[in-house]
């Protein structure tokens, strides 16, 4: 189990990570989510042993990793561009660490890994002949080759186009599950985090503002800024929030987060609205909805990416129901 306890990292006296804490159990995948400059990649590098700590501790199975060099931590690090050896074949890239360790039956292990990542038959090809997604699969197989105690993924899909990134995110989750790998993934894309991870840590301004199971964090964001970053359509405040809560028979709250991806079929509800416009893509339908007494808001009908909320308030919109969650519930 990984335990990060009140960790701080500074560059030339300027804080990059401040009092960050999180945990990751064996076999789970944790996504560290945040905008650029939030400190997430710095925290990952600190866990890898590439950045010194200004304060705090990092433990693995209870053992303090202070003073343990990167190559002795038993962790593997996969970068966003894969960093393959372009002069080596796919098979030799995947088996590079195995050869260094003189691992018996390395060729068999390489073929198993290529099959795991869906690249069986690619062993003799050079990286330059592969697509971006195929190169990332090779990099992933290479990272898994030595069966690391922890796999650290630094924005592994960010260099790919949106459609390929969405498809590979689902495959990445399946591959990590099949391998039984404990992994920590840094990303700025909440859709990617929801698709791959079991747990989520949200970072902002160098600190972890919320951490927990995916469904828990999605259902109850810590604050309006976190809700918007997670992909809620908007946060209603003042009269708009009061109108919505009053119609739903709920007590007043300072803010209400409107979910982007909770539009589901229903017959009726407390408020009605009109769909102003819509745009369909293979994975989702985006709508702009004019809701009586509230105004226009965005909604997204999407399947598979987001956990279903355990509690929600119904808002009827043209035969659909838009779920909302008051903060503090």
C-alpha atoms as a PDB file:
ATOM      1  CA  UNK A   1       0.000   0.000   0.000  1.00  0.00           C
ATOM      2  CA  UNK A   2       1.213   3.496  -0.851  1.00  0.00           C
ATOM      3  CA  UNK A   3       0.831   6.185   1.802  1.00  0.00           C
ATOM      4  CA  UNK A   4       1.689   9.833   1.124  1.00  0.00           C
ATOM      5  CA  UNK A   5       1.677  11.766   4.406  1.00  0.00           C
ATOM      6  CA  UNK A   6       1.698  15.594   4.483  1.00  0.00           C
ATOM      7  CA  UNK A   7       4.266  15.829   1.682  1.00  0.00           C
ATOM      8  CA  UNK A   8       5.658  19.180   0.551  1.00  0.00           C
ATOM      9  CA  UNK A   9       8.092  19.833  -2.300  1.00  0.00           C
ATOM     10  CA  UNK A  10       9.754  23.158  -3.083  1.00  0.00           C
ATOM     11  CA  UNK A  11      11.834  24.551  -5.954  1.00  0.00           C
ATOM     12  CA  UNK A  12      14.277  27.283  -4.944  1.00  0.00           C
ATOM     13  CA  UNK A  13      12.139  27.996  -1.905  1.00  0.00           C
ATOM     14  CA  UNK A  14       8.880  28.242  -3.885  1.00  0.00           C
ATOM     15  CA  UNK A  15       6.321  25.601  -2.882  1.00  0.00           C
ATOM     16  CA  UNK A  16       5.204  23.232  -5.677  1.00  0.00           C
ATOM     17  CA  UNK A  17       3.393  20.677  -3.486  1.00  0.00           C
ATOM     18  CA  UNK A  18       1.981  21.682  -0.117  1.00  0.00           C
ATOM     19  CA  UNK A  19       0.975  19.276   2.685  1.00  0.00           C
ATOM     20  CA  UNK A  20      -0.349  16.610   0.268  1.00  0.00           C
ATOM     21  CA  UNK A  21      -1.751  13.353   1.637  1.00  0.00           C
ATOM     22  CA  UNK A  22      -3.265  10.358  -0.145  1.00  0.00           C
ATOM     23  CA  UNK A  23      -3.333   6.564  -0.008  1.00  0.00           C
ATOM     24  CA  UNK A  24      -3.488   3.741  -2.522  1.00  0.00           C
ATOM     25  CA  UNK A  25      -4.279   0.116  -1.702  1.00  0.00           C
ATOM     26  CA  UNK A  26      -2.750  -2.841  -3.530  1.00  0.00           C
ATOM     27  CA  UNK A  27      -4.417  -3.592  -6.854  1.00  0.00           C
ATOM     28  CA  UNK A  28      -6.134  -0.201  -7.088  1.00  0.00           C
ATOM     29  CA  UNK A  29      -5.632   2.613  -9.586  1.00  0.00           C
ATOM     30  CA  UNK A  30      -5.502   6.187  -8.243  1.00  0.00           C
ATOM     31  CA  UNK A  31      -5.867   9.156 -10.592  1.00  0.00           C
ATOM     32  CA  UNK A  32      -4.306  12.429  -9.446  1.00  0.00           C
ATOM     33  CA  UNK A  33      -6.331  15.037 -11.298  1.00  0.00           C
ATOM     34  CA  UNK A  34      -5.632  18.731 -11.608  1.00  0.00           C
ATOM     35  CA  UNK A  35      -4.996  21.621 -14.012  1.00  0.00           C
ATOM     36  CA  UNK A  36      -1.535  22.479 -15.308  1.00  0.00           C
ATOM     37  CA  UNK A  37       0.645  23.828 -12.531  1.00  0.00           C
ATOM     38  CA  UNK A  38      -1.367  22.181  -9.744  1.00  0.00           C
ATOM     39  CA  UNK A  39       1.629  20.116  -8.564  1.00  0.00           C
ATOM     40  CA  UNK A  40       0.416  16.692  -9.668  1.00  0.00           C
ATOM     41  CA  UNK A  41       3.468  15.752 -11.773  1.00  0.00           C
ATOM     42  CA  UNK A  42       5.788  17.039  -9.049  1.00  0.00           C
ATOM     43  CA  UNK A  43       4.021  14.811  -6.525  1.00  0.00           C
ATOM     44  CA  UNK A  44       4.400  11.812  -8.864  1.00  0.00           C
ATOM     45  CA  UNK A  45       8.118  12.521  -9.257  1.00  0.00           C
ATOM     46  CA  UNK A  46       8.464  12.773  -5.471  1.00  0.00           C
ATOM     47  CA  UNK A  47       6.819   9.359  -5.076  1.00  0.00           C
ATOM     48  CA  UNK A  48       9.236   7.975  -7.674  1.00  0.00           C
ATOM     49  CA  UNK A  49      12.149   9.381  -5.680  1.00  0.00           C
ATOM     50  CA  UNK A  50      13.103  11.928  -8.340  1.00  0.00           C
ATOM     51  CA  UNK A  51      12.319  14.970  -6.178  1.00  0.00           C
ATOM     52  CA  UNK A  52      13.477  15.530  -2.569  1.00  0.00           C
ATOM     53  CA  UNK A  53      10.822  16.183   0.056  1.00  0.00           C
ATOM     54  CA  UNK A  54      10.751  19.462   1.948  1.00  0.00           C
ATOM     55  CA  UNK A  55       8.433  17.841   4.512  1.00  0.00           C
ATOM     56  CA  UNK A  56       6.336  14.739   5.062  1.00  0.00           C
ATOM     57  CA  UNK A  57       6.803  11.031   4.391  1.00  0.00           C
ATOM     58  CA  UNK A  58       6.148   8.530   1.629  1.00  0.00           C
ATOM     59  CA  UNK A  59       5.663   4.927   2.734  1.00  0.00           C
ATOM     60  CA  UNK A  60       5.183   1.629   0.955  1.00  0.00           C
ATOM     61  CA  UNK A  61       3.605  -1.140   3.055  1.00  0.00           C
ATOM     62  CA  UNK A  62       4.484   0.910   6.116  1.00  0.00           C
ATOM     63  CA  UNK A  63       8.178   1.283   5.247  1.00  0.00           C
ATOM     64  CA  UNK A  64       9.509   4.838   4.972  1.00  0.00           C
ATOM     65  CA  UNK A  65      11.074   5.404   1.527  1.00  0.00           C
ATOM     66  CA  UNK A  66      13.256   8.319   2.696  1.00  0.00           C
ATOM     67  CA  UNK A  67      16.754   7.707   1.381  1.00  0.00           C
ATOM     68  CA  UNK A  68      15.665   4.848  -0.911  1.00  0.00           C
ATOM     69  CA  UNK A  69      16.894   5.683  -4.439  1.00  0.00           C
ATOM     70  CA  UNK A  70      14.552   5.529  -7.399  1.00  0.00           C
ATOM     71  CA  UNK A  71      15.978   2.299  -8.855  1.00  0.00           C
ATOM     72  CA  UNK A  72      15.519   0.443  -5.563  1.00  0.00           C
ATOM     73  CA  UNK A  73      11.882   1.375  -4.913  1.00  0.00           C
ATOM     74  CA  UNK A  74      10.480  -1.297  -7.207  1.00  0.00           C
ATOM     75  CA  UNK A  75       8.360   1.268  -9.034  1.00  0.00           C
ATOM     76  CA  UNK A  76       8.063   1.810 -12.792  1.00  0.00           C
ATOM     77  CA  UNK A  77       7.481   5.182 -14.458  1.00  0.00           C
ATOM     78  CA  UNK A  78       5.733   5.646 -17.818  1.00  0.00           C
ATOM     79  CA  UNK A  79       5.945   9.070 -19.446  1.00  0.00           C
ATOM     80  CA  UNK A  80       3.385  10.738 -21.704  1.00  0.00           C
ATOM     81  CA  UNK A  81       5.503  10.292 -24.853  1.00  0.00           C
ATOM     82  CA  UNK A  82       6.464   6.683 -24.115  1.00  0.00           C
ATOM     83  CA  UNK A  83      10.214   7.351 -24.664  1.00  0.00           C
ATOM     84  CA  UNK A  84      10.785   4.206 -26.711  1.00  0.00           C
ATOM     85  CA  UNK A  85      14.148   3.251 -28.182  1.00  0.00           C
ATOM     86  CA  UNK A  86      13.539   3.946 -31.854  1.00  0.00           C
ATOM     87  CA  UNK A  87      16.423   1.717 -33.028  1.00  0.00           C
ATOM     88  CA  UNK A  88      15.060  -1.341 -31.196  1.00  0.00           C
ATOM     89  CA  UNK A  89      12.158  -3.520 -32.285  1.00  0.00           C
ATOM     90  CA  UNK A  90       8.937  -3.603 -30.287  1.00  0.00           C
ATOM     91  CA  UNK A  91       9.941  -6.897 -28.675  1.00  0.00           C
ATOM     92  CA  UNK A  92      13.355  -5.603 -27.678  1.00  0.00           C
ATOM     93  CA  UNK A  93      11.808  -2.415 -26.260  1.00  0.00           C
ATOM     94  CA  UNK A  94       9.406  -4.432 -24.121  1.00  0.00           C
ATOM     95  CA  UNK A  95      12.104  -6.835 -22.973  1.00  0.00           C
ATOM     96  CA  UNK A  96      14.785  -4.213 -22.305  1.00  0.00           C
ATOM     97  CA  UNK A  97      14.626  -4.368 -18.498  1.00  0.00           C
ATOM     98  CA  UNK A  98      14.274  -8.154 -18.588  1.00  0.00           C
ATOM     99  CA  UNK A  99      17.539  -8.467 -20.519  1.00  0.00           C
ATOM    100  CA  UNK A 100      19.314  -6.171 -18.066  1.00  0.00           C
ATOM    101  CA  UNK A 101      18.169  -8.437 -15.243  1.00  0.00           C
ATOM    102  CA  UNK A 102      19.010 -11.608 -17.199  1.00  0.00           C
ATOM    103  CA  UNK A 103      15.454 -12.813 -16.603  1.00  0.00           C
ATOM    104  CA  UNK A 104      14.885 -16.467 -17.633  1.00  0.00           C
ATOM    105  CA  UNK A 105      12.301 -17.014 -20.399  1.00  0.00           C
ATOM    106  CA  UNK A 106      12.315 -13.282 -21.191  1.00  0.00           C
ATOM    107  CA  UNK A 107      11.083 -13.945 -24.752  1.00  0.00           C
ATOM    108  CA  UNK A 108       8.022 -15.756 -23.418  1.00  0.00           C
ATOM    109  CA  UNK A 109       7.287 -12.911 -21.009  1.00  0.00           C
ATOM    110  CA  UNK A 110       7.553 -10.380 -23.859  1.00  0.00           C
ATOM    111  CA  UNK A 111       5.037 -12.302 -25.963  1.00  0.00           C
ATOM    112  CA  UNK A 112       2.644 -12.488 -22.983  1.00  0.00           C
ATOM    113  CA  UNK A 113       2.884  -8.719 -22.524  1.00  0.00           C
ATOM    114  CA  UNK A 114       2.341  -7.977 -26.213  1.00  0.00           C
ATOM    115  CA  UNK A 115      -0.775 -10.123 -26.103  1.00  0.00           C
ATOM    116  CA  UNK A 116      -1.926  -8.326 -22.939  1.00  0.00           C
ATOM    117  CA  UNK A 117      -1.731  -4.915 -24.624  1.00  0.00           C
ATOM    118  CA  UNK A 118      -3.259  -6.151 -27.889  1.00  0.00           C
ATOM    119  CA  UNK A 119      -0.060  -6.082 -29.978  1.00  0.00           C
ATOM    120  CA  UNK A 120       0.571  -9.750 -30.654  1.00  0.00           C
ATOM    121  CA  UNK A 121       2.458 -10.095 -33.930  1.00  0.00           C
ATOM    122  CA  UNK A 122       4.073  -6.651 -33.588  1.00  0.00           C
ATOM    123  CA  UNK A 123       7.332  -7.859 -32.020  1.00  0.00           C
ATOM    124  CA  UNK A 124       9.543  -7.381 -35.099  1.00  0.00           C
ATOM    125  CA  UNK A 125       8.285  -3.901 -35.988  1.00  0.00           C
ATOM    126  CA  UNK A 126      10.154  -0.675 -35.230  1.00  0.00           C
ATOM    127  CA  UNK A 127       8.510   2.111 -33.174  1.00  0.00           C
ATOM    128  CA  UNK A 128       8.622   4.478 -36.153  1.00  0.00           C
ATOM    129  CA  UNK A 129       6.103   2.278 -38.002  1.00  0.00           C
ATOM    130  CA  UNK A 130       3.525   2.437 -35.195  1.00  0.00           C
ATOM    131  CA  UNK A 131       0.654   4.827 -34.493  1.00  0.00           C
ATOM    132  CA  UNK A 132       0.645   6.984 -31.369  1.00  0.00           C
ATOM    133  CA  UNK A 133      -1.709   4.622 -29.569  1.00  0.00           C
ATOM    134  CA  UNK A 134       0.377   1.580 -30.489  1.00  0.00           C
ATOM    135  CA  UNK A 135       3.537   3.274 -29.217  1.00  0.00           C
ATOM    136  CA  UNK A 136       1.857   3.953 -25.879  1.00  0.00           C
ATOM    137  CA  UNK A 137       0.802   0.306 -25.666  1.00  0.00           C
ATOM    138  CA  UNK A 138       4.430  -0.718 -26.205  1.00  0.00           C
ATOM    139  CA  UNK A 139       5.541   1.709 -23.478  1.00  0.00           C
ATOM    140  CA  UNK A 140       2.914   0.276 -21.135  1.00  0.00           C
ATOM    141  CA  UNK A 141       4.026  -3.300 -21.844  1.00  0.00           C
ATOM    142  CA  UNK A 142       7.636  -2.307 -21.157  1.00  0.00           C
ATOM    143  CA  UNK A 143       6.610  -0.703 -17.849  1.00  0.00           C
ATOM    144  CA  UNK A 144       4.764  -3.859 -16.804  1.00  0.00           C
ATOM    145  CA  UNK A 145       7.561  -6.223 -17.834  1.00  0.00           C
ATOM    146  CA  UNK A 146       9.294  -6.374 -14.456  1.00  0.00           C
ATOM    147  CA  UNK A 147       6.002  -6.536 -12.513  1.00  0.00           C
ATOM    148  CA  UNK A 148       6.550  -3.303 -10.561  1.00  0.00           C
ATOM    149  CA  UNK A 149       5.130  -2.866  -7.075  1.00  0.00           C
ATOM    150  CA  UNK A 150       3.693   0.457  -8.280  1.00  0.00           C
ATOM    151  CA  UNK A 151       3.254   1.804 -11.803  1.00  0.00           C
ATOM    152  CA  UNK A 152       3.478   5.603 -12.087  1.00  0.00           C
ATOM    153  CA  UNK A 153       1.791   7.039 -15.196  1.00  0.00           C
ATOM    154  CA  UNK A 154       2.592  10.656 -16.068  1.00  0.00           C
ATOM    155  CA  UNK A 155      -0.267  11.824 -18.340  1.00  0.00           C
ATOM    156  CA  UNK A 156       0.116   8.666 -20.463  1.00  0.00           C
ATOM    157  CA  UNK A 157      -2.585   9.575 -22.999  1.00  0.00           C
ATOM    158  CA  UNK A 158      -2.244  13.355 -23.270  1.00  0.00           C
ATOM    159  CA  UNK A 159      -0.261  13.265 -26.532  1.00  0.00           C
ATOM    160  CA  UNK A 160      -3.047  11.362 -28.335  1.00  0.00           C
ATOM    161  CA  UNK A 161      -6.048  12.800 -30.165  1.00  0.00           C
ATOM    162  CA  UNK A 162      -9.367  12.888 -28.303  1.00  0.00           C
ATOM    163  CA  UNK A 163     -11.001   9.875 -29.964  1.00  0.00           C
ATOM    164  CA  UNK A 164      -7.944   7.646 -29.532  1.00  0.00           C
ATOM    165  CA  UNK A 165      -7.435   8.885 -25.960  1.00  0.00           C
ATOM    166  CA  UNK A 166     -10.992   7.899 -25.014  1.00  0.00           C
ATOM    167  CA  UNK A 167     -10.645   4.444 -26.559  1.00  0.00           C
ATOM    168  CA  UNK A 168      -7.220   3.753 -25.054  1.00  0.00           C
ATOM    169  CA  UNK A 169      -8.336   4.906 -21.593  1.00  0.00           C
ATOM    170  CA  UNK A 170     -10.843   2.065 -21.469  1.00  0.00           C
ATOM    171  CA  UNK A 171      -8.209  -0.384 -22.699  1.00  0.00           C
ATOM    172  CA  UNK A 172      -5.720   0.910 -20.119  1.00  0.00           C
ATOM    173  CA  UNK A 173      -8.138   0.140 -17.301  1.00  0.00           C
ATOM    174  CA  UNK A 174      -8.687  -3.400 -18.624  1.00  0.00           C
ATOM    175  CA  UNK A 175      -4.936  -3.988 -19.024  1.00  0.00           C
ATOM    176  CA  UNK A 176      -4.132  -2.812 -15.489  1.00  0.00           C
ATOM    177  CA  UNK A 177      -6.928  -4.969 -14.074  1.00  0.00           C
ATOM    178  CA  UNK A 178      -5.765  -8.027 -16.018  1.00  0.00           C
ATOM    179  CA  UNK A 179      -2.191  -7.521 -14.798  1.00  0.00           C
ATOM    180  CA  UNK A 180      -3.305  -6.858 -11.195  1.00  0.00           C
ATOM    181  CA  UNK A 181      -1.140  -3.737 -11.193  1.00  0.00           C
ATOM    182  CA  UNK A 182      -1.257  -1.051  -8.517  1.00  0.00           C
ATOM    183  CA  UNK A 183      -0.996   2.252 -10.355  1.00  0.00           C
ATOM    184  CA  UNK A 184      -0.980   6.013  -9.790  1.00  0.00           C
ATOM    185  CA  UNK A 185      -1.878   8.084 -12.835  1.00  0.00           C
ATOM    186  CA  UNK A 186      -1.453  11.837 -13.223  1.00  0.00           C
ATOM    187  CA  UNK A 187      -3.889  13.517 -15.618  1.00  0.00           C
ATOM    188  CA  UNK A 188      -5.640  16.825 -16.280  1.00  0.00           C
ATOM    189  CA  UNK A 189      -8.577  15.076 -18.026  1.00  0.00           C
ATOM    190  CA  UNK A 190     -11.466  14.123 -15.722  1.00  0.00           C
ATOM    191  CA  UNK A 191     -13.016  11.818 -18.346  1.00  0.00           C
ATOM    192  CA  UNK A 192      -9.740   9.885 -18.482  1.00  0.00           C
ATOM    193  CA  UNK A 193      -9.577   9.687 -14.691  1.00  0.00           C
ATOM    194  CA  UNK A 194     -13.168   8.407 -14.412  1.00  0.00           C
ATOM    195  CA  UNK A 195     -12.546   5.798 -17.116  1.00  0.00           C
ATOM    196  CA  UNK A 196      -9.350   4.339 -15.631  1.00  0.00           C
ATOM    197  CA  UNK A 197      -9.218   4.826 -11.856  1.00  0.00           C
ATOM    198  CA  UNK A 198     -10.803   3.426  -8.680  1.00  0.00           C
ATOM    199  CA  UNK A 199      -9.812   6.379  -6.517  1.00  0.00           C
ATOM    200  CA  UNK A 200      -9.399  10.068  -7.271  1.00  0.00           C
ATOM    201  CA  UNK A 201      -7.270  12.819  -5.769  1.00  0.00           C
ATOM    202  CA  UNK A 202      -8.004  16.359  -6.956  1.00  0.00           C
ATOM    203  CA  UNK A 203      -5.126  18.849  -6.714  1.00  0.00           C
ATOM    204  CA  UNK A 204      -5.230  22.620  -6.896  1.00  0.00           C
ATOM    205  CA  UNK A 205      -2.470  25.162  -6.118  1.00  0.00           C
ATOM    206  CA  UNK A 206      -0.119  22.440  -4.909  1.00  0.00           C
ATOM    207  CA  UNK A 207      -2.533  20.825  -2.441  1.00  0.00           C
ATOM    208  CA  UNK A 208      -4.869  17.837  -2.476  1.00  0.00           C
ATOM    209  CA  UNK A 209      -8.316  19.401  -2.049  1.00  0.00           C
ATOM    210  CA  UNK A 210     -10.250  16.105  -2.119  1.00  0.00           C
ATOM    211  CA  UNK A 211      -9.398  12.405  -2.213  1.00  0.00           C
ATOM    212  CA  UNK A 212     -11.515   9.256  -2.123  1.00  0.00           C
ATOM    213  CA  UNK A 213     -13.402   6.681  -4.146  1.00  0.00           C
ATOM    214  CA  UNK A 214     -14.405   7.906  -7.617  1.00  0.00           C
ATOM    215  CA  UNK A 215     -18.151   7.703  -6.892  1.00  0.00           C
ATOM    216  CA  UNK A 216     -17.718   9.513  -3.566  1.00  0.00           C
ATOM    217  CA  UNK A 217     -15.776  12.431  -5.048  1.00  0.00           C
ATOM    218  CA  UNK A 218     -18.118  12.726  -8.032  1.00  0.00           C
ATOM    219  CA  UNK A 219     -21.227  12.621  -5.851  1.00  0.00           C
ATOM    220  CA  UNK A 220     -20.028  15.220  -3.360  1.00  0.00           C
ATOM    221  CA  UNK A 221     -17.388  17.659  -4.671  1.00  0.00           C
ATOM    222  CA  UNK A 222     -15.523  19.514  -1.937  1.00  0.00           C
ATOM    223  CA  UNK A 223     -16.358  22.966  -3.323  1.00  0.00           C
ATOM    224  CA  UNK A 224     -17.719  24.736  -6.437  1.00  0.00           C
ATOM    225  CA  UNK A 225     -14.278  24.966  -8.078  1.00  0.00           C
ATOM    226  CA  UNK A 226     -13.797  21.211  -7.713  1.00  0.00           C
ATOM    227  CA  UNK A 227     -17.281  20.529  -9.094  1.00  0.00           C
ATOM    228  CA  UNK A 228     -16.638  22.608 -12.202  1.00  0.00           C
ATOM    229  CA  UNK A 229     -13.248  21.004 -12.756  1.00  0.00           C
ATOM    230  CA  UNK A 230     -14.739  17.513 -12.453  1.00  0.00           C
ATOM    231  CA  UNK A 231     -17.061  18.296 -15.337  1.00  0.00           C
ATOM    232  CA  UNK A 232     -20.253  19.595 -13.760  1.00  0.00           C
ATOM    233  CA  UNK A 233     -22.052  21.823 -16.263  1.00  0.00           C
ATOM    234  CA  UNK A 234     -22.240  24.757 -13.894  1.00  0.00           C
ATOM    235  CA  UNK A 235     -22.704  25.700 -10.258  1.00  0.00           C
ATOM    236  CA  UNK A 236     -25.927  27.552  -9.487  1.00  0.00           C
ATOM    237  CA  UNK A 237     -25.939  30.122  -6.695  1.00  0.00           C
ATOM    238  CA  UNK A 238     -28.371  32.657  -5.274  1.00  0.00           C
ATOM    239  CA  UNK A 239     -31.888  32.834  -6.763  1.00  0.00           C
ATOM    240  CA  UNK A 240     -31.224  30.115  -9.372  1.00  0.00           C
ATOM    241  CA  UNK A 241     -30.143  27.626  -6.716  1.00  0.00           C
ATOM    242  CA  UNK A 242     -33.039  28.595  -4.444  1.00  0.00           C
ATOM    243  CA  UNK A 243     -35.561  28.104  -7.278  1.00  0.00           C
ATOM    244  CA  UNK A 244     -34.244  24.653  -8.059  1.00  0.00           C
ATOM    245  CA  UNK A 245     -34.107  23.471  -4.445  1.00  0.00           C
ATOM    246  CA  UNK A 246     -37.515  24.915  -3.573  1.00  0.00           C
ATOM    247  CA  UNK A 247     -39.112  23.110  -6.514  1.00  0.00           C
ATOM    248  CA  UNK A 248     -37.450  19.872  -5.426  1.00  0.00           C
ATOM    249  CA  UNK A 249     -38.635  20.286  -1.833  1.00  0.00           C
ATOM    250  CA  UNK A 250     -35.128  20.594  -0.425  1.00  0.00           C
ATOM    251  CA  UNK A 251     -33.729  23.032   2.141  1.00  0.00           C
ATOM    252  CA  UNK A 252     -31.781  26.042   0.940  1.00  0.00           C
ATOM    253  CA  UNK A 253     -28.087  25.628   0.128  1.00  0.00           C
ATOM    254  CA  UNK A 254     -25.472  28.195  -0.875  1.00  0.00           C
ATOM    255  CA  UNK A 255     -24.707  26.413  -4.160  1.00  0.00           C
ATOM    256  CA  UNK A 256     -25.981  23.612  -6.350  1.00  0.00           C
ATOM    257  CA  UNK A 257     -23.783  21.656  -8.783  1.00  0.00           C
ATOM    258  CA  UNK A 258     -25.440  20.552 -12.005  1.00  0.00           C
ATOM    259  CA  UNK A 259     -24.071  17.273 -13.283  1.00  0.00           C
ATOM    260  CA  UNK A 260     -22.887  17.140 -16.873  1.00  0.00           C
ATOM    261  CA  UNK A 261     -23.484  13.451 -17.416  1.00  0.00           C
ATOM    262  CA  UNK A 262     -26.653  12.580 -15.528  1.00  0.00           C
ATOM    263  CA  UNK A 263     -29.379  13.191 -18.088  1.00  0.00           C
ATOM    264  CA  UNK A 264     -31.586  10.072 -17.919  1.00  0.00           C
ATOM    265  CA  UNK A 265     -34.997   9.146 -19.270  1.00  0.00           C
ATOM    266  CA  UNK A 266     -37.932  10.063 -17.010  1.00  0.00           C
ATOM    267  CA  UNK A 267     -41.598  10.984 -17.371  1.00  0.00           C
ATOM    268  CA  UNK A 268     -41.915  13.999 -15.129  1.00  0.00           C
ATOM    269  CA  UNK A 269     -40.182  16.216 -12.585  1.00  0.00           C
ATOM    270  CA  UNK A 270     -40.458  19.469 -10.629  1.00  0.00           C
ATOM    271  CA  UNK A 271     -39.263  21.879 -13.346  1.00  0.00           C
ATOM    272  CA  UNK A 272     -39.615  21.882 -17.128  1.00  0.00           C
ATOM    273  CA  UNK A 273     -37.292  23.216 -19.792  1.00  0.00           C
ATOM    274  CA  UNK A 274     -36.694  23.327 -23.517  1.00  0.00           C
ATOM    275  CA  UNK A 275     -33.719  21.856 -25.361  1.00  0.00           C
ATOM    276  CA  UNK A 276     -32.214  24.795 -27.262  1.00  0.00           C
ATOM    277  CA  UNK A 277     -29.594  22.850 -29.203  1.00  0.00           C
ATOM    278  CA  UNK A 278     -27.867  19.477 -29.256  1.00  0.00           C
ATOM    279  CA  UNK A 279     -24.803  17.808 -30.732  1.00  0.00           C
ATOM    280  CA  UNK A 280     -24.285  14.042 -30.958  1.00  0.00           C
ATOM    281  CA  UNK A 281     -20.913  12.274 -30.895  1.00  0.00           C
ATOM    282  CA  UNK A 282     -20.257   8.513 -30.727  1.00  0.00           C
ATOM    283  CA  UNK A 283     -20.057   8.565 -26.936  1.00  0.00           C
ATOM    284  CA  UNK A 284     -22.420  11.277 -25.830  1.00  0.00           C
ATOM    285  CA  UNK A 285     -25.138  13.824 -26.613  1.00  0.00           C
ATOM    286  CA  UNK A 286     -24.487  17.415 -25.539  1.00  0.00           C
ATOM    287  CA  UNK A 287     -27.513  19.606 -24.969  1.00  0.00           C
ATOM    288  CA  UNK A 288     -28.096  23.258 -24.161  1.00  0.00           C
ATOM    289  CA  UNK A 289     -31.251  23.442 -22.057  1.00  0.00           C
ATOM    290  CA  UNK A 290     -33.344  26.514 -21.199  1.00  0.00           C
ATOM    291  CA  UNK A 291     -34.839  25.657 -17.795  1.00  0.00           C
ATOM    292  CA  UNK A 292     -37.809  27.637 -16.491  1.00  0.00           C
ATOM    293  CA  UNK A 293     -36.716  30.012 -13.745  1.00  0.00           C
ATOM    294  CA  UNK A 294     -33.054  29.049 -14.020  1.00  0.00           C
ATOM    295  CA  UNK A 295     -31.812  29.926 -17.506  1.00  0.00           C
ATOM    296  CA  UNK A 296     -29.675  28.066 -19.997  1.00  0.00           C
ATOM    297  CA  UNK A 297     -27.347  25.283 -18.860  1.00  0.00           C
ATOM    298  CA  UNK A 298     -25.356  22.480 -20.470  1.00  0.00           C
ATOM    299  CA  UNK A 299     -26.141  18.798 -20.025  1.00  0.00           C
ATOM    300  CA  UNK A 300     -24.506  15.657 -21.390  1.00  0.00           C
ATOM    301  CA  UNK A 301     -26.064  12.236 -21.856  1.00  0.00           C
ATOM    302  CA  UNK A 302     -23.219   9.746 -21.647  1.00  0.00           C
ATOM    303  CA  UNK A 303     -22.938   6.065 -20.774  1.00  0.00           C
ATOM    304  CA  UNK A 304     -20.152   4.239 -18.992  1.00  0.00           C
ATOM    305  CA  UNK A 305     -17.774   7.032 -18.010  1.00  0.00           C
ATOM    306  CA  UNK A 306     -19.303   8.395 -14.810  1.00  0.00           C
ATOM    307  CA  UNK A 307     -20.492   6.501 -11.742  1.00  0.00           C
ATOM    308  CA  UNK A 308     -24.232   6.727 -11.195  1.00  0.00           C
ATOM    309  CA  UNK A 309     -24.962   9.100  -8.309  1.00  0.00           C
ATOM    310  CA  UNK A 310     -26.396   7.459  -5.224  1.00  0.00           C
ATOM    311  CA  UNK A 311     -28.675  10.415  -4.521  1.00  0.00           C
ATOM    312  CA  UNK A 312     -30.023  13.016  -6.906  1.00  0.00           C
ATOM    313  CA  UNK A 313     -32.651  15.644  -7.376  1.00  0.00           C
ATOM    314  CA  UNK A 314     -34.896  15.361 -10.429  1.00  0.00           C
ATOM    315  CA  UNK A 315     -35.159  18.249 -12.872  1.00  0.00           C
ATOM    316  CA  UNK A 316     -37.342  17.473 -15.873  1.00  0.00           C
ATOM    317  CA  UNK A 317     -35.949  18.714 -19.161  1.00  0.00           C
ATOM    318  CA  UNK A 318     -37.932  17.858 -22.314  1.00  0.00           C
ATOM    319  CA  UNK A 319     -38.683  14.326 -21.186  1.00  0.00           C
ATOM    320  CA  UNK A 320     -35.294  13.789 -19.550  1.00  0.00           C
ATOM    321  CA  UNK A 321     -34.194  14.230 -15.964  1.00  0.00           C
ATOM    322  CA  UNK A 322     -31.122  16.302 -15.152  1.00  0.00           C
ATOM    323  CA  UNK A 323     -29.604  15.318 -11.806  1.00  0.00           C
ATOM    324  CA  UNK A 324     -28.267  17.961  -9.449  1.00  0.00           C
ATOM    325  CA  UNK A 325     -26.581  17.799  -6.068  1.00  0.00           C
ATOM    326  CA  UNK A 326     -26.702  20.564  -3.454  1.00  0.00           C
ATOM    327  CA  UNK A 327     -23.341  21.047  -1.742  1.00  0.00           C
ATOM    328  CA  UNK A 328     -23.298  19.877   1.844  1.00  0.00           C
ATOM    329  CA  UNK A 329     -25.710  16.963   1.426  1.00  0.00           C
END
